[in-house]
Amino acid sequence: MPPNPTAAPQDPSQPLPGRLGNLSVPQQHALEKFKKELQDEGSWVPDRHDDATLLRFLRARKFDLVKAKEMFAACEKWRQEFGVDDIVQ
């Protein structure tokens, strides 16, 4: 029987794959590129966009950078339209 990729890891103290502390080399490169592109575009806000947050977008789109950026842009647009940052302050 093949291993279940959604099953809990053998060692519960280890982070799950695709999360900080357990990234493959391609995943780490995708994270670095994602952050750099957002910084270059002026879209990255360090207080809100830490690596764990950026990884959520990447994991949600299976580390497809183009799709993760589209999702990120839609999320930021939604936050602006609904004044999320004003509510939180």
N, C-alpha and C. Protein backbone atom coordinates (compact mmCIF):
# COMPACT_ATOMS: atom_id res chain seq x y z
N MET A 1 0.86 -1.18 0.00
CA MET A 1 0.00 0.00 0.00
C MET A 1 0.90 1.24 0.00
N PRO A 2 0.68 2.20 -0.93
CA PRO A 2 1.52 3.40 -0.97
C PRO A 2 1.28 4.28 0.24
N PRO A 3 2.29 5.04 0.64
CA PRO A 3 2.11 5.94 1.79
C PRO A 3 1.08 7.02 1.48
N ASN A 4 0.37 7.42 2.51
CA ASN A 4 -0.65 8.47 2.39
C ASN A 4 0.03 9.82 2.57
N PRO A 5 0.07 10.68 1.52
CA PRO A 5 0.77 11.97 1.64
C PRO A 5 0.09 12.93 2.60
N THR A 6 -1.17 12.69 2.95
CA THR A 6 -1.86 13.58 3.88
C THR A 6 -1.80 13.08 5.31
N ALA A 7 -1.20 11.91 5.51
CA ALA A 7 -1.10 11.36 6.86
C ALA A 7 -0.12 12.18 7.68
N ALA A 8 -0.29 12.13 8.98
CA ALA A 8 0.60 12.85 9.90
C ALA A 8 2.01 12.31 9.76
N PRO A 9 3.03 13.17 9.92
CA PRO A 9 4.41 12.69 9.81
C PRO A 9 4.72 11.72 10.94
N GLN A 10 5.74 10.89 10.71
CA GLN A 10 6.15 9.92 11.72
C GLN A 10 6.55 10.61 13.01
N ASP A 11 7.27 11.71 12.89
CA ASP A 11 7.73 12.45 14.06
C ASP A 11 6.91 13.74 14.15
N PRO A 12 5.96 13.81 15.10
CA PRO A 12 5.10 14.99 15.18
C PRO A 12 5.85 16.29 15.51
N SER A 13 7.10 16.19 15.93
CA SER A 13 7.85 17.42 16.21
C SER A 13 8.42 18.04 14.93
N GLN A 14 8.36 17.31 13.82
CA GLN A 14 8.87 17.81 12.54
C GLN A 14 7.77 18.56 11.79
N PRO A 15 8.11 19.69 11.15
CA PRO A 15 7.10 20.40 10.36
C PRO A 15 6.68 19.57 9.15
N LEU A 16 5.46 19.80 8.71
CA LEU A 16 4.95 19.11 7.54
C LEU A 16 5.68 19.58 6.29
N PRO A 17 5.71 18.76 5.25
CA PRO A 17 6.35 19.19 4.00
C PRO A 17 5.71 20.47 3.45
N GLY A 18 6.54 21.34 2.89
CA GLY A 18 6.04 22.58 2.32
C GLY A 18 5.86 23.69 3.34
N ARG A 19 6.32 23.44 4.56
CA ARG A 19 6.23 24.45 5.60
C ARG A 19 7.64 24.83 6.05
N LEU A 20 7.73 25.97 6.73
CA LEU A 20 9.04 26.42 7.20
C LEU A 20 9.74 25.30 7.96
N GLY A 21 10.99 25.12 7.66
CA GLY A 21 11.76 24.07 8.31
C GLY A 21 11.68 22.74 7.59
N ASN A 22 10.84 22.64 6.55
CA ASN A 22 10.74 21.39 5.80
C ASN A 22 10.39 21.69 4.34
N LEU A 23 11.21 22.52 3.71
CA LEU A 23 11.02 22.87 2.31
C LEU A 23 12.03 22.13 1.45
N SER A 24 11.58 21.64 0.30
CA SER A 24 12.52 21.08 -0.67
C SER A 24 13.30 22.24 -1.29
N VAL A 25 14.35 21.93 -2.01
CA VAL A 25 15.13 22.98 -2.66
C VAL A 25 14.26 23.77 -3.65
N PRO A 26 13.46 23.11 -4.51
CA PRO A 26 12.60 23.90 -5.41
C PRO A 26 11.58 24.75 -4.66
N GLN A 27 11.06 24.24 -3.55
CA GLN A 27 10.10 25.02 -2.76
C GLN A 27 10.77 26.24 -2.15
N GLN A 28 11.99 26.08 -1.64
CA GLN A 28 12.73 27.20 -1.06
C GLN A 28 13.02 28.25 -2.13
N HIS A 29 13.38 27.81 -3.32
CA HIS A 29 13.64 28.74 -4.42
C HIS A 29 12.37 29.48 -4.82
N ALA A 30 11.23 28.77 -4.84
CA ALA A 30 9.95 29.41 -5.18
C ALA A 30 9.62 30.48 -4.15
N LEU A 31 9.84 30.19 -2.87
CA LEU A 31 9.57 31.16 -1.81
C LEU A 31 10.45 32.40 -1.98
N GLU A 32 11.73 32.18 -2.22
CA GLU A 32 12.65 33.31 -2.39
C GLU A 32 12.27 34.16 -3.61
N LYS A 33 11.92 33.50 -4.70
CA LYS A 33 11.54 34.23 -5.91
C LYS A 33 10.23 34.98 -5.70
N PHE A 34 9.27 34.35 -5.04
CA PHE A 34 7.98 34.98 -4.74
C PHE A 34 8.20 36.26 -3.94
N LYS A 35 8.98 36.15 -2.87
CA LYS A 35 9.24 37.31 -2.02
C LYS A 35 9.96 38.41 -2.80
N LYS A 36 10.97 38.05 -3.59
CA LYS A 36 11.72 39.04 -4.36
C LYS A 36 10.82 39.75 -5.36
N GLU A 37 9.98 39.00 -6.06
CA GLU A 37 9.09 39.62 -7.05
C GLU A 37 8.10 40.57 -6.37
N LEU A 38 7.58 40.18 -5.21
CA LEU A 38 6.66 41.06 -4.48
C LEU A 38 7.39 42.31 -4.00
N GLN A 39 8.63 42.15 -3.54
CA GLN A 39 9.42 43.31 -3.12
C GLN A 39 9.67 44.24 -4.30
N ASP A 40 10.04 43.67 -5.45
CA ASP A 40 10.32 44.48 -6.64
C ASP A 40 9.08 45.24 -7.11
N GLU A 41 7.90 44.65 -6.92
CA GLU A 41 6.64 45.29 -7.32
C GLU A 41 6.14 46.28 -6.28
N GLY A 42 6.74 46.26 -5.09
CA GLY A 42 6.27 47.12 -4.01
C GLY A 42 5.04 46.58 -3.31
N SER A 43 4.77 45.29 -3.47
CA SER A 43 3.58 44.67 -2.88
C SER A 43 3.85 44.01 -1.53
N TRP A 44 5.12 43.86 -1.17
CA TRP A 44 5.48 43.12 0.03
C TRP A 44 5.50 44.04 1.24
N VAL A 45 4.76 43.67 2.27
CA VAL A 45 4.72 44.41 3.54
C VAL A 45 5.31 43.47 4.60
N PRO A 46 6.54 43.73 5.06
CA PRO A 46 7.20 42.80 5.97
C PRO A 46 6.38 42.43 7.21
N ASP A 47 5.63 43.38 7.75
CA ASP A 47 4.86 43.09 8.97
C ASP A 47 3.75 42.08 8.72
N ARG A 48 3.24 42.01 7.49
CA ARG A 48 2.13 41.11 7.19
C ARG A 48 2.52 39.92 6.33
N HIS A 49 3.62 40.03 5.63
CA HIS A 49 3.96 39.01 4.65
C HIS A 49 5.24 38.26 5.04
N ASP A 50 5.19 37.58 6.16
CA ASP A 50 6.34 36.78 6.56
C ASP A 50 6.39 35.51 5.69
N ASP A 51 7.44 34.73 5.84
CA ASP A 51 7.61 33.55 5.00
C ASP A 51 6.45 32.56 5.17
N ALA A 52 5.97 32.38 6.38
CA ALA A 52 4.87 31.44 6.61
C ALA A 52 3.62 31.87 5.85
N THR A 53 3.36 33.17 5.81
CA THR A 53 2.19 33.68 5.07
C THR A 53 2.38 33.46 3.57
N LEU A 54 3.55 33.78 3.06
CA LEU A 54 3.79 33.60 1.63
C LEU A 54 3.70 32.13 1.24
N LEU A 55 4.14 31.25 2.14
CA LEU A 55 4.06 29.82 1.85
C LEU A 55 2.62 29.34 1.76
N ARG A 56 1.70 29.98 2.46
CA ARG A 56 0.29 29.59 2.35
C ARG A 56 -0.20 29.76 0.91
N PHE A 57 0.18 30.88 0.30
CA PHE A 57 -0.22 31.12 -1.09
C PHE A 57 0.45 30.12 -2.03
N LEU A 58 1.72 29.84 -1.79
CA LEU A 58 2.44 28.89 -2.64
C LEU A 58 1.87 27.48 -2.50
N ARG A 59 1.62 27.04 -1.27
CA ARG A 59 1.05 25.70 -1.08
C ARG A 59 -0.34 25.59 -1.70
N ALA A 60 -1.13 26.66 -1.57
CA ALA A 60 -2.50 26.64 -2.11
C ALA A 60 -2.49 26.48 -3.62
N ARG A 61 -1.41 26.87 -4.26
CA ARG A 61 -1.32 26.77 -5.72
C ARG A 61 -0.20 25.82 -6.14
N LYS A 62 0.11 24.86 -5.26
CA LYS A 62 1.10 23.81 -5.55
C LYS A 62 2.43 24.38 -6.03
N PHE A 63 2.83 25.47 -5.41
CA PHE A 63 4.10 26.14 -5.68
C PHE A 63 4.21 26.65 -7.11
N ASP A 64 3.06 26.89 -7.75
CA ASP A 64 3.02 27.55 -9.07
C ASP A 64 3.09 29.05 -8.80
N LEU A 65 4.22 29.65 -9.11
CA LEU A 65 4.46 31.05 -8.76
C LEU A 65 3.46 32.01 -9.40
N VAL A 66 3.12 31.79 -10.66
CA VAL A 66 2.18 32.68 -11.35
C VAL A 66 0.81 32.62 -10.66
N LYS A 67 0.35 31.42 -10.37
CA LYS A 67 -0.96 31.27 -9.72
C LYS A 67 -0.94 31.81 -8.29
N ALA A 68 0.18 31.61 -7.58
CA ALA A 68 0.29 32.12 -6.21
C ALA A 68 0.25 33.65 -6.21
N LYS A 69 0.91 34.27 -7.19
CA LYS A 69 0.89 35.74 -7.28
C LYS A 69 -0.50 36.25 -7.61
N GLU A 70 -1.23 35.54 -8.47
CA GLU A 70 -2.61 35.94 -8.78
C GLU A 70 -3.48 35.87 -7.52
N MET A 71 -3.32 34.80 -6.77
CA MET A 71 -4.09 34.64 -5.54
C MET A 71 -3.71 35.72 -4.53
N PHE A 72 -2.42 36.00 -4.41
CA PHE A 72 -1.94 37.03 -3.50
C PHE A 72 -2.54 38.39 -3.87
N ALA A 73 -2.51 38.73 -5.18
CA ALA A 73 -3.04 40.01 -5.64
C ALA A 73 -4.53 40.11 -5.35
N ALA A 74 -5.27 39.03 -5.56
CA ALA A 74 -6.71 39.03 -5.29
C ALA A 74 -6.97 39.21 -3.80
N CYS A 75 -6.16 38.60 -2.97
CA CYS A 75 -6.30 38.74 -1.52
C CYS A 75 -6.02 40.17 -1.08
N GLU A 76 -4.97 40.76 -1.62
CA GLU A 76 -4.63 42.14 -1.26
C GLU A 76 -5.72 43.10 -1.73
N LYS A 77 -6.27 42.85 -2.92
CA LYS A 77 -7.36 43.69 -3.43
C LYS A 77 -8.57 43.59 -2.51
N TRP A 78 -8.90 42.38 -2.10
CA TRP A 78 -10.03 42.16 -1.19
C TRP A 78 -9.79 42.89 0.14
N ARG A 79 -8.58 42.78 0.68
CA ARG A 79 -8.25 43.45 1.94
C ARG A 79 -8.46 44.96 1.81
N GLN A 80 -8.06 45.52 0.67
CA GLN A 80 -8.19 46.96 0.45
C GLN A 80 -9.66 47.34 0.29
N GLU A 81 -10.41 46.59 -0.51
CA GLU A 81 -11.82 46.90 -0.76
C GLU A 81 -12.65 46.87 0.52
N PHE A 82 -12.35 45.95 1.40
CA PHE A 82 -13.13 45.80 2.62
C PHE A 82 -12.50 46.50 3.83
N GLY A 83 -11.39 47.19 3.62
CA GLY A 83 -10.76 47.96 4.69
C GLY A 83 -10.28 47.11 5.85
N VAL A 84 -9.80 45.92 5.54
CA VAL A 84 -9.36 45.00 6.59
C VAL A 84 -8.29 45.62 7.46
N ASP A 85 -7.34 46.30 6.86
CA ASP A 85 -6.24 46.89 7.64
C ASP A 85 -6.74 48.00 8.55
N ASP A 86 -7.80 48.70 8.15
CA ASP A 86 -8.36 49.75 9.00
C ASP A 86 -9.11 49.16 10.19
N ILE A 87 -9.74 48.02 9.98
CA ILE A 87 -10.48 47.35 11.05
C ILE A 87 -9.52 46.84 12.11
N VAL A 88 -8.41 46.28 11.67
CA VAL A 88 -7.45 45.66 12.57
C VAL A 88 -6.72 46.69 13.41
N GLN A 89 -6.50 47.89 12.88
CA GLN A 89 -5.72 48.90 13.60
C GLN A 89 -6.47 49.43 14.73
